[in-house]
Amino acid sequence: MNAAQSTLRRGLRTRKCGGEGRFRMAHWKQLTGTDGDLLDINMDAVAYLHPFKDYTAVCFIGGRGAEGRMMVVNVKEKPEAIHMAKPLRSA
């Protein structure tokens, strides 16, 4: 490995979470959309959770929909359940 490749690897690397070669990945959780579909959500990209009576709005950082509005996904889980849910494991 040359110096440029080594620098690139250091720039992409995050905190180690285990043995050699294991690196922390994005924090994904599987939630249920209000229409019943299972959704994989990258929690690292979530700005905030807005609870409503029957659902929770998951609002994303910098995400803009077609009309220029904030990107929002509605899920059935309450914020407490979302925070306590186990993250998805990588393959």
PDB file of N, CA and C in Angstrom:
ATOM      1  N   MET A   1       0.848  -1.173   0.000  1.00  0.00           N
ATOM      2  CA  MET A   1       0.000   0.000   0.000  1.00  0.00           C
ATOM      3  C   MET A   1       0.895   1.238   0.000  1.00  0.00           C
ATOM      4  N   ASN A   2       0.616   2.179  -0.910  1.00  0.00           N
ATOM      5  CA  ASN A   2       1.417   3.401  -0.957  1.00  0.00           C
ATOM      6  C   ASN A   2       0.859   4.439   0.015  1.00  0.00           C
ATOM      7  N   ALA A   3       1.546   5.564   0.148  1.00  0.00           N
ATOM      8  CA  ALA A   3       1.172   6.597   1.119  1.00  0.00           C
ATOM      9  C   ALA A   3      -0.209   7.175   0.822  1.00  0.00           C
ATOM     10  N   ALA A   4      -0.537   7.357  -0.459  1.00  0.00           N
ATOM     11  CA  ALA A   4      -1.845   7.922  -0.821  1.00  0.00           C
ATOM     12  C   ALA A   4      -2.974   6.975  -0.425  1.00  0.00           C
ATOM     13  N   GLN A   5      -2.790   5.672  -0.664  1.00  0.00           N
ATOM     14  CA  GLN A   5      -3.808   4.699  -0.288  1.00  0.00           C
ATOM     15  C   GLN A   5      -3.972   4.648   1.226  1.00  0.00           C
ATOM     16  N   SER A   6      -2.866   4.741   1.948  1.00  0.00           N
ATOM     17  CA  SER A   6      -2.914   4.711   3.404  1.00  0.00           C
ATOM     18  C   SER A   6      -3.681   5.917   3.940  1.00  0.00           C
ATOM     19  N   THR A   7      -3.426   7.088   3.385  1.00  0.00           N
ATOM     20  CA  THR A   7      -4.122   8.297   3.799  1.00  0.00           C
ATOM     21  C   THR A   7      -5.607   8.178   3.494  1.00  0.00           C
ATOM     22  N   LEU A   8      -5.959   7.649   2.322  1.00  0.00           N
ATOM     23  CA  LEU A   8      -7.351   7.474   1.937  1.00  0.00           C
ATOM     24  C   LEU A   8      -8.041   6.531   2.916  1.00  0.00           C
ATOM     25  N   ARG A   9      -7.407   5.428   3.254  1.00  0.00           N
ATOM     26  CA  ARG A   9      -8.008   4.476   4.187  1.00  0.00           C
ATOM     27  C   ARG A   9      -8.232   5.116   5.542  1.00  0.00           C
ATOM     28  N   ARG A  10      -7.294   5.913   6.023  1.00  0.00           N
ATOM     29  CA  ARG A  10      -7.477   6.582   7.312  1.00  0.00           C
ATOM     30  C   ARG A  10      -8.640   7.557   7.252  1.00  0.00           C
ATOM     31  N   GLY A  11      -8.815   8.250   6.111  1.00  0.00           N
ATOM     32  CA  GLY A  11      -9.893   9.213   5.962  1.00  0.00           C
ATOM     33  C   GLY A  11     -11.265   8.547   5.950  1.00  0.00           C
ATOM     34  N   LEU A  12     -11.356   7.334   5.460  1.00  0.00           N
ATOM     35  CA  LEU A  12     -12.627   6.636   5.376  1.00  0.00           C
ATOM     36  C   LEU A  12     -12.928   5.835   6.635  1.00  0.00           C
ATOM     37  N   ARG A  13     -11.926   5.562   7.402  1.00  0.00           N
ATOM     38  CA  ARG A  13     -12.083   4.697   8.564  1.00  0.00           C
ATOM     39  C   ARG A  13     -12.789   5.433   9.697  1.00  0.00           C
ATOM     40  N   THR A  14     -13.653   4.723  10.384  1.00  0.00           N
ATOM     41  CA  THR A  14     -14.272   5.260  11.587  1.00  0.00           C
ATOM     42  C   THR A  14     -13.747   4.465  12.769  1.00  0.00           C
ATOM     43  N   ARG A  15     -14.314   4.690  13.944  1.00  0.00           N
ATOM     44  CA  ARG A  15     -13.856   3.980  15.135  1.00  0.00           C
ATOM     45  C   ARG A  15     -13.953   2.481  14.961  1.00  0.00           C
ATOM     46  N   LYS A  16     -12.953   1.772  15.454  1.00  0.00           N
ATOM     47  CA  LYS A  16     -13.012   0.314  15.426  1.00  0.00           C
ATOM     48  C   LYS A  16     -14.028  -0.155  16.446  1.00  0.00           C
ATOM     49  N   CYS A  17     -14.761  -1.199  16.095  1.00  0.00           N
ATOM     50  CA  CYS A  17     -15.757  -1.708  17.023  1.00  0.00           C
ATOM     51  C   CYS A  17     -15.487  -3.151  17.397  1.00  0.00           C
ATOM     52  N   GLY A  18     -14.354  -3.660  17.046  1.00  0.00           N
ATOM     53  CA  GLY A  18     -14.055  -5.047  17.375  1.00  0.00           C
ATOM     54  C   GLY A  18     -12.660  -5.391  16.935  1.00  0.00           C
ATOM     55  N   GLY A  19     -12.487  -6.619  16.481  1.00  0.00           N
ATOM     56  CA  GLY A  19     -11.181  -7.103  16.070  1.00  0.00           C
ATOM     57  C   GLY A  19     -10.670  -6.413  14.827  1.00  0.00           C
ATOM     58  N   GLU A  20      -9.491  -6.798  14.396  1.00  0.00           N
ATOM     59  CA  GLU A  20      -8.845  -6.218  13.226  1.00  0.00           C
ATOM     60  C   GLU A  20      -9.750  -6.331  12.001  1.00  0.00           C
ATOM     61  N   GLY A  21      -9.884  -5.240  11.263  1.00  0.00           N
ATOM     62  CA  GLY A  21     -10.669  -5.247  10.035  1.00  0.00           C
ATOM     63  C   GLY A  21     -12.150  -4.956  10.229  1.00  0.00           C
ATOM     64  N   ARG A  22     -12.602  -4.788  11.467  1.00  0.00           N
ATOM     65  CA  ARG A  22     -14.012  -4.469  11.703  1.00  0.00           C
ATOM     66  C   ARG A  22     -14.149  -2.982  11.964  1.00  0.00           C
ATOM     67  N   PHE A  23     -15.050  -2.359  11.246  1.00  0.00           N
ATOM     68  CA  PHE A  23     -15.246  -0.924  11.389  1.00  0.00           C
ATOM     69  C   PHE A  23     -16.723  -0.632  11.566  1.00  0.00           C
ATOM     70  N   ARG A  24     -16.995   0.435  12.262  1.00  0.00           N
ATOM     71  CA  ARG A  24     -18.360   0.838  12.527  1.00  0.00           C
ATOM     72  C   ARG A  24     -19.022   1.302  11.241  1.00  0.00           C
ATOM     73  N   MET A  25     -20.238   0.861  11.027  1.00  0.00           N
ATOM     74  CA  MET A  25     -20.990   1.239   9.842  1.00  0.00           C
ATOM     75  C   MET A  25     -22.131   2.163  10.264  1.00  0.00           C
ATOM     76  N   ALA A  26     -22.910   2.614   9.294  1.00  0.00           N
ATOM     77  CA  ALA A  26     -24.066   3.451   9.590  1.00  0.00           C
ATOM     78  C   ALA A  26     -25.025   2.691  10.503  1.00  0.00           C
ATOM     79  N   HIS A  27     -25.787   3.411  11.256  1.00  0.00           N
ATOM     80  CA  HIS A  27     -26.699   2.876  12.261  1.00  0.00           C
ATOM     81  C   HIS A  27     -28.084   2.732  11.635  1.00  0.00           C
ATOM     82  N   TRP A  28     -28.410   1.530  11.178  1.00  0.00           N
ATOM     83  CA  TRP A  28     -29.675   1.278  10.506  1.00  0.00           C
ATOM     84  C   TRP A  28     -30.644   0.573  11.435  1.00  0.00           C
ATOM     85  N   LYS A  29     -31.932   0.934  11.352  1.00  0.00           N
ATOM     86  CA  LYS A  29     -32.984   0.250  12.090  1.00  0.00           C
ATOM     87  C   LYS A  29     -34.128  -0.035  11.135  1.00  0.00           C
ATOM     88  N   GLN A  30     -34.815  -1.157  11.393  1.00  0.00           N
ATOM     89  CA  GLN A  30     -35.965  -1.505  10.558  1.00  0.00           C
ATOM     90  C   GLN A  30     -37.234  -1.065  11.281  1.00  0.00           C
ATOM     91  N   LEU A  31     -38.005  -0.214  10.623  1.00  0.00           N
ATOM     92  CA  LEU A  31     -39.240   0.324  11.187  1.00  0.00           C
ATOM     93  C   LEU A  31     -40.400  -0.011  10.260  1.00  0.00           C
ATOM     94  N   THR A  32     -41.615   0.171  10.761  1.00  0.00           N
ATOM     95  CA  THR A  32     -42.817  -0.136   9.986  1.00  0.00           C
ATOM     96  C   THR A  32     -43.476   1.162   9.544  1.00  0.00           C
ATOM     97  N   GLY A  33     -43.598   1.338   8.235  1.00  0.00           N
ATOM     98  CA  GLY A  33     -44.268   2.517   7.702  1.00  0.00           C
ATOM     99  C   GLY A  33     -45.749   2.489   8.046  1.00  0.00           C
ATOM    100  N   THR A  34     -46.404   3.617   7.981  1.00  0.00           N
ATOM    101  CA  THR A  34     -47.827   3.684   8.303  1.00  0.00           C
ATOM    102  C   THR A  34     -48.682   2.866   7.336  1.00  0.00           C
ATOM    103  N   ASP A  35     -48.129   2.537   6.168  1.00  0.00           N
ATOM    104  CA  ASP A  35     -48.847   1.690   5.203  1.00  0.00           C
ATOM    105  C   ASP A  35     -48.559   0.205   5.418  1.00  0.00           C
ATOM    106  N   GLY A  36     -47.727  -0.124   6.427  1.00  0.00           N
ATOM    107  CA  GLY A  36     -47.425  -1.518   6.750  1.00  0.00           C
ATOM    108  C   GLY A  36     -46.138  -2.049   6.150  1.00  0.00           C
ATOM    109  N   ASP A  37     -45.501  -1.285   5.269  1.00  0.00           N
ATOM    110  CA  ASP A  37     -44.239  -1.729   4.666  1.00  0.00           C
ATOM    111  C   ASP A  37     -43.102  -1.641   5.679  1.00  0.00           C
ATOM    112  N   LEU A  38     -42.146  -2.587   5.590  1.00  0.00           N
ATOM    113  CA  LEU A  38     -40.945  -2.515   6.425  1.00  0.00           C
ATOM    114  C   LEU A  38     -39.954  -1.562   5.766  1.00  0.00           C
ATOM    115  N   LEU A  39     -39.410  -0.636   6.551  1.00  0.00           N
ATOM    116  CA  LEU A  39     -38.482   0.367   6.048  1.00  0.00           C
ATOM    117  C   LEU A  39     -37.155   0.262   6.792  1.00  0.00           C
ATOM    118  N   ASP A  40     -36.047   0.278   6.070  1.00  0.00           N
ATOM    119  CA  ASP A  40     -34.725   0.333   6.681  1.00  0.00           C
ATOM    120  C   ASP A  40     -34.319   1.806   6.735  1.00  0.00           C
ATOM    121  N   ILE A  41     -34.122   2.325   7.945  1.00  0.00           N
ATOM    122  CA  ILE A  41     -33.844   3.743   8.145  1.00  0.00           C
ATOM    123  C   ILE A  41     -32.429   3.929   8.651  1.00  0.00           C
ATOM    124  N   ASN A  42     -31.645   4.790   7.992  1.00  0.00           N
ATOM    125  CA  ASN A  42     -30.302   5.143   8.458  1.00  0.00           C
ATOM    126  C   ASN A  42     -30.471   6.203   9.546  1.00  0.00           C
ATOM    127  N   MET A  43     -30.320   5.801  10.793  1.00  0.00           N
ATOM    128  CA  MET A  43     -30.552   6.707  11.915  1.00  0.00           C
ATOM    129  C   MET A  43     -29.506   7.822  11.977  1.00  0.00           C
ATOM    130  N   ASP A  44     -28.355   7.627  11.334  1.00  0.00           N
ATOM    131  CA  ASP A  44     -27.337   8.676  11.282  1.00  0.00           C
ATOM    132  C   ASP A  44     -27.795   9.859  10.431  1.00  0.00           C
ATOM    133  N   ALA A  45     -28.791   9.642   9.568  1.00  0.00           N
ATOM    134  CA  ALA A  45     -29.281  10.694   8.680  1.00  0.00           C
ATOM    135  C   ALA A  45     -30.568  11.347   9.199  1.00  0.00           C
ATOM    136  N   VAL A  46     -31.008  10.954  10.397  1.00  0.00           N
ATOM    137  CA  VAL A  46     -32.248  11.495  10.953  1.00  0.00           C
ATOM    138  C   VAL A  46     -31.962  12.777  11.728  1.00  0.00           C
ATOM    139  N   ALA A  47     -32.696  13.840  11.422  1.00  0.00           N
ATOM    140  CA  ALA A  47     -32.549  15.105  12.147  1.00  0.00           C
ATOM    141  C   ALA A  47     -33.309  15.041  13.465  1.00  0.00           C
ATOM    142  N   TYR A  48     -34.559  14.586  13.412  1.00  0.00           N
ATOM    143  CA  TYR A  48     -35.355  14.467  14.625  1.00  0.00           C
ATOM    144  C   TYR A  48     -36.576  13.586  14.376  1.00  0.00           C
ATOM    145  N   LEU A  49     -37.181  13.146  15.475  1.00  0.00           N
ATOM    146  CA  LEU A  49     -38.412  12.365  15.446  1.00  0.00           C
ATOM    147  C   LEU A  49     -39.526  13.250  15.995  1.00  0.00           C
ATOM    148  N   HIS A  50     -40.633  13.327  15.265  1.00  0.00           N
ATOM    149  CA  HIS A  50     -41.764  14.156  15.698  1.00  0.00           C
ATOM    150  C   HIS A  50     -42.945  13.229  15.996  1.00  0.00           C
ATOM    151  N   PRO A  51     -43.267  13.044  17.291  1.00  0.00           N
ATOM    152  CA  PRO A  51     -44.364  12.132  17.635  1.00  0.00           C
ATOM    153  C   PRO A  51     -45.742  12.755  17.403  1.00  0.00           C
ATOM    154  N   PHE A  52     -46.639  11.943  16.873  1.00  0.00           N
ATOM    155  CA  PHE A  52     -48.042  12.295  16.742  1.00  0.00           C
ATOM    156  C   PHE A  52     -48.843  11.219  17.474  1.00  0.00           C
ATOM    157  N   LYS A  53     -50.144  11.348  17.526  1.00  0.00           N
ATOM    158  CA  LYS A  53     -50.966  10.402  18.282  1.00  0.00           C
ATOM    159  C   LYS A  53     -50.824   8.967  17.764  1.00  0.00           C
ATOM    160  N   ASP A  54     -50.938   8.773  16.453  1.00  0.00           N
ATOM    161  CA  ASP A  54     -50.954   7.425  15.884  1.00  0.00           C
ATOM    162  C   ASP A  54     -49.686   7.032  15.136  1.00  0.00           C
ATOM    163  N   TYR A  55     -48.740   7.931  14.990  1.00  0.00           N
ATOM    164  CA  TYR A  55     -47.520   7.627  14.242  1.00  0.00           C
ATOM    165  C   TYR A  55     -46.409   8.584  14.658  1.00  0.00           C
ATOM    166  N   THR A  56     -45.203   8.319  14.146  1.00  0.00           N
ATOM    167  CA  THR A  56     -44.050   9.200  14.366  1.00  0.00           C
ATOM    168  C   THR A  56     -43.507   9.631  13.019  1.00  0.00           C
ATOM    169  N   ALA A  57     -43.241  10.913  12.863  1.00  0.00           N
ATOM    170  CA  ALA A  57     -42.628  11.435  11.641  1.00  0.00           C
ATOM    171  C   ALA A  57     -41.111  11.411  11.829  1.00  0.00           C
ATOM    172  N   VAL A  58     -40.410  10.723  10.917  1.00  0.00           N
ATOM    173  CA  VAL A  58     -38.946  10.669  10.931  1.00  0.00           C
ATOM    174  C   VAL A  58     -38.463  11.698   9.923  1.00  0.00           C
ATOM    175  N   CYS A  59     -37.812  12.761  10.403  1.00  0.00           N
ATOM    176  CA  CYS A  59     -37.368  13.867   9.555  1.00  0.00           C
ATOM    177  C   CYS A  59     -35.865  13.758   9.315  1.00  0.00           C
ATOM    178  N   PHE A  60     -35.451  13.841   8.062  1.00  0.00           N
ATOM    179  CA  PHE A  60     -34.063  13.600   7.690  1.00  0.00           C
ATOM    180  C   PHE A  60     -33.251  14.883   7.545  1.00  0.00           C
ATOM    181  N   ILE A  61     -31.975  14.792   7.834  1.00  0.00           N
ATOM    182  CA  ILE A  61     -31.032  15.902   7.726  1.00  0.00           C
ATOM    183  C   ILE A  61     -30.869  16.280   6.261  1.00  0.00           C
ATOM    184  N   GLY A  62     -31.132  17.524   5.928  1.00  0.00           N
ATOM    185  CA  GLY A  62     -30.864  18.041   4.585  1.00  0.00           C
ATOM    186  C   GLY A  62     -31.656  17.394   3.473  1.00  0.00           C
ATOM    187  N   GLY A  63     -32.532  16.463   3.799  1.00  0.00           N
ATOM    188  CA  GLY A  63     -33.310  15.799   2.760  1.00  0.00           C
ATOM    189  C   GLY A  63     -34.435  16.690   2.274  1.00  0.00           C
ATOM    190  N   ARG A  64     -34.554  16.833   0.991  1.00  0.00           N
ATOM    191  CA  ARG A  64     -35.616  17.652   0.413  1.00  0.00           C
ATOM    192  C   ARG A  64     -36.398  16.815  -0.586  1.00  0.00           C
ATOM    193  N   GLY A  65     -37.696  16.869  -0.493  1.00  0.00           N
ATOM    194  CA  GLY A  65     -38.552  16.167  -1.434  1.00  0.00           C
ATOM    195  C   GLY A  65     -38.661  16.937  -2.732  1.00  0.00           C
ATOM    196  N   ALA A  66     -39.514  16.467  -3.628  1.00  0.00           N
ATOM    197  CA  ALA A  66     -39.683  17.072  -4.949  1.00  0.00           C
ATOM    198  C   ALA A  66     -40.168  18.521  -4.858  1.00  0.00           C
ATOM    199  N   GLU A  67     -40.943  18.844  -3.826  1.00  0.00           N
ATOM    200  CA  GLU A  67     -41.487  20.196  -3.700  1.00  0.00           C
ATOM    201  C   GLU A  67     -40.598  21.098  -2.852  1.00  0.00           C
ATOM    202  N   GLY A  68     -39.398  20.641  -2.494  1.00  0.00           N
ATOM    203  CA  GLY A  68     -38.492  21.450  -1.696  1.00  0.00           C
ATOM    204  C   GLY A  68     -38.751  21.377  -0.202  1.00  0.00           C
ATOM    205  N   ARG A  69     -39.657  20.512   0.215  1.00  0.00           N
ATOM    206  CA  ARG A  69     -39.960  20.348   1.634  1.00  0.00           C
ATOM    207  C   ARG A  69     -39.021  19.323   2.251  1.00  0.00           C
ATOM    208  N   MET A  70     -38.921  19.356   3.579  1.00  0.00           N
ATOM    209  CA  MET A  70     -38.080  18.401   4.287  1.00  0.00           C
ATOM    210  C   MET A  70     -38.543  16.973   4.003  1.00  0.00           C
ATOM    211  N   MET A  71     -37.579  16.051   3.840  1.00  0.00           N
ATOM    212  CA  MET A  71     -37.889  14.647   3.591  1.00  0.00           C
ATOM    213  C   MET A  71     -38.358  14.024   4.903  1.00  0.00           C
ATOM    214  N   VAL A  72     -39.575  13.478   4.894  1.00  0.00           N
ATOM    215  CA  VAL A  72     -40.193  12.909   6.090  1.00  0.00           C
ATOM    216  C   VAL A  72     -40.785  11.544   5.742  1.00  0.00           C
ATOM    217  N   VAL A  73     -40.594  10.577   6.649  1.00  0.00           N
ATOM    218  CA  VAL A  73     -41.204   9.260   6.521  1.00  0.00           C
ATOM    219  C   VAL A  73     -42.024   9.028   7.782  1.00  0.00           C
ATOM    220  N   ASN A  74     -43.250   8.576   7.637  1.00  0.00           N
ATOM    221  CA  ASN A  74     -44.106   8.300   8.785  1.00  0.00           C
ATOM    222  C   ASN A  74     -44.040   6.819   9.130  1.00  0.00           C
ATOM    223  N   VAL A  75     -43.817   6.525  10.413  1.00  0.00           N
ATOM    224  CA  VAL A  75     -43.708   5.140  10.877  1.00  0.00           C
ATOM    225  C   VAL A  75     -44.673   4.909  12.043  1.00  0.00           C
ATOM    226  N   LYS A  76     -45.017   3.643  12.274  1.00  0.00           N
ATOM    227  CA  LYS A  76     -45.956   3.283  13.335  1.00  0.00           C
ATOM    228  C   LYS A  76     -45.333   3.343  14.728  1.00  0.00           C
ATOM    229  N   GLU A  77     -44.024   3.105  14.840  1.00  0.00           N
ATOM    230  CA  GLU A  77     -43.369   3.043  16.149  1.00  0.00           C
ATOM    231  C   GLU A  77     -43.315   4.413  16.822  1.00  0.00           C
ATOM    232  N   LYS A  78     -43.386   4.404  18.139  1.00  0.00           N
ATOM    233  CA  LYS A  78     -43.232   5.618  18.940  1.00  0.00           C
ATOM    234  C   LYS A  78     -41.733   5.906  19.103  1.00  0.00           C
ATOM    235  N   PRO A  79     -41.342   7.168  19.363  1.00  0.00           N
ATOM    236  CA  PRO A  79     -39.917   7.500  19.499  1.00  0.00           C
ATOM    237  C   PRO A  79     -39.167   6.629  20.515  1.00  0.00           C
ATOM    238  N   GLU A  80     -39.808   6.308  21.641  1.00  0.00           N
ATOM    239  CA  GLU A  80     -39.141   5.475  22.651  1.00  0.00           C
ATOM    240  C   GLU A  80     -38.805   4.097  22.083  1.00  0.00           C
ATOM    241  N   ALA A  81     -39.743   3.523  21.332  1.00  0.00           N
ATOM    242  CA  ALA A  81     -39.519   2.208  20.722  1.00  0.00           C
ATOM    243  C   ALA A  81     -38.428   2.279  19.653  1.00  0.00           C
ATOM    244  N   ILE A  82     -38.373   3.387  18.920  1.00  0.00           N
ATOM    245  CA  ILE A  82     -37.345   3.552  17.890  1.00  0.00           C
ATOM    246  C   ILE A  82     -35.969   3.613  18.536  1.00  0.00           C
ATOM    247  N   HIS A  83     -35.840   4.390  19.607  1.00  0.00           N
ATOM    248  CA  HIS A  83     -34.543   4.502  20.283  1.00  0.00           C
ATOM    249  C   HIS A  83     -34.103   3.179  20.889  1.00  0.00           C
ATOM    250  N   MET A  84     -35.039   2.378  21.371  1.00  0.00           N
ATOM    251  CA  MET A  84     -34.709   1.115  22.029  1.00  0.00           C
ATOM    252  C   MET A  84     -34.534  -0.047  21.051  1.00  0.00           C
ATOM    253  N   ALA A  85     -34.985   0.122  19.806  1.00  0.00           N
ATOM    254  CA  ALA A  85     -34.881  -0.958  18.817  1.00  0.00           C
ATOM    255  C   ALA A  85     -33.423  -1.304  18.539  1.00  0.00           C
ATOM    256  N   LYS A  86     -33.165  -2.577  18.343  1.00  0.00           N
ATOM    257  CA  LYS A  86     -31.800  -3.021  18.020  1.00  0.00           C
ATOM    258  C   LYS A  86     -31.465  -2.634  16.591  1.00  0.00           C
ATOM    259  N   PRO A  87     -30.223  -2.219  16.353  1.00  0.00           N
ATOM    260  CA  PRO A  87     -29.822  -1.881  14.982  1.00  0.00           C
ATOM    261  C   PRO A  87     -29.725  -3.138  14.115  1.00  0.00           C
ATOM    262  N   LEU A  88     -29.889  -2.955  12.821  1.00  0.00           N
ATOM    263  CA  LEU A  88     -29.709  -4.059  11.882  1.00  0.00           C
ATOM    264  C   LEU A  88     -28.252  -4.459  11.831  1.00  0.00           C
ATOM    265  N   ARG A  89     -27.995  -5.726  11.645  1.00  0.00           N
ATOM    266  CA  ARG A  89     -26.617  -6.216  11.537  1.00  0.00           C
ATOM    267  C   ARG A  89     -26.207  -6.229  10.073  1.00  0.00           C
ATOM    268  N   SER A  90     -24.938  -5.940   9.828  1.00  0.00           N
ATOM    269  CA  SER A  90     -24.443  -5.993   8.440  1.00  0.00           C
ATOM    270  C   SER A  90     -24.165  -7.442   8.073  1.00  0.00           C
ATOM    271  N   ALA A  91     -24.233  -7.731   6.791  1.00  0.00           N
ATOM    272  CA  ALA A  91     -24.023  -9.106   6.315  1.00  0.00           C
ATOM    273  C   ALA A  91     -22.571  -9.487   6.373  1.00  0.00           C
TER     274      ALA A  91
END
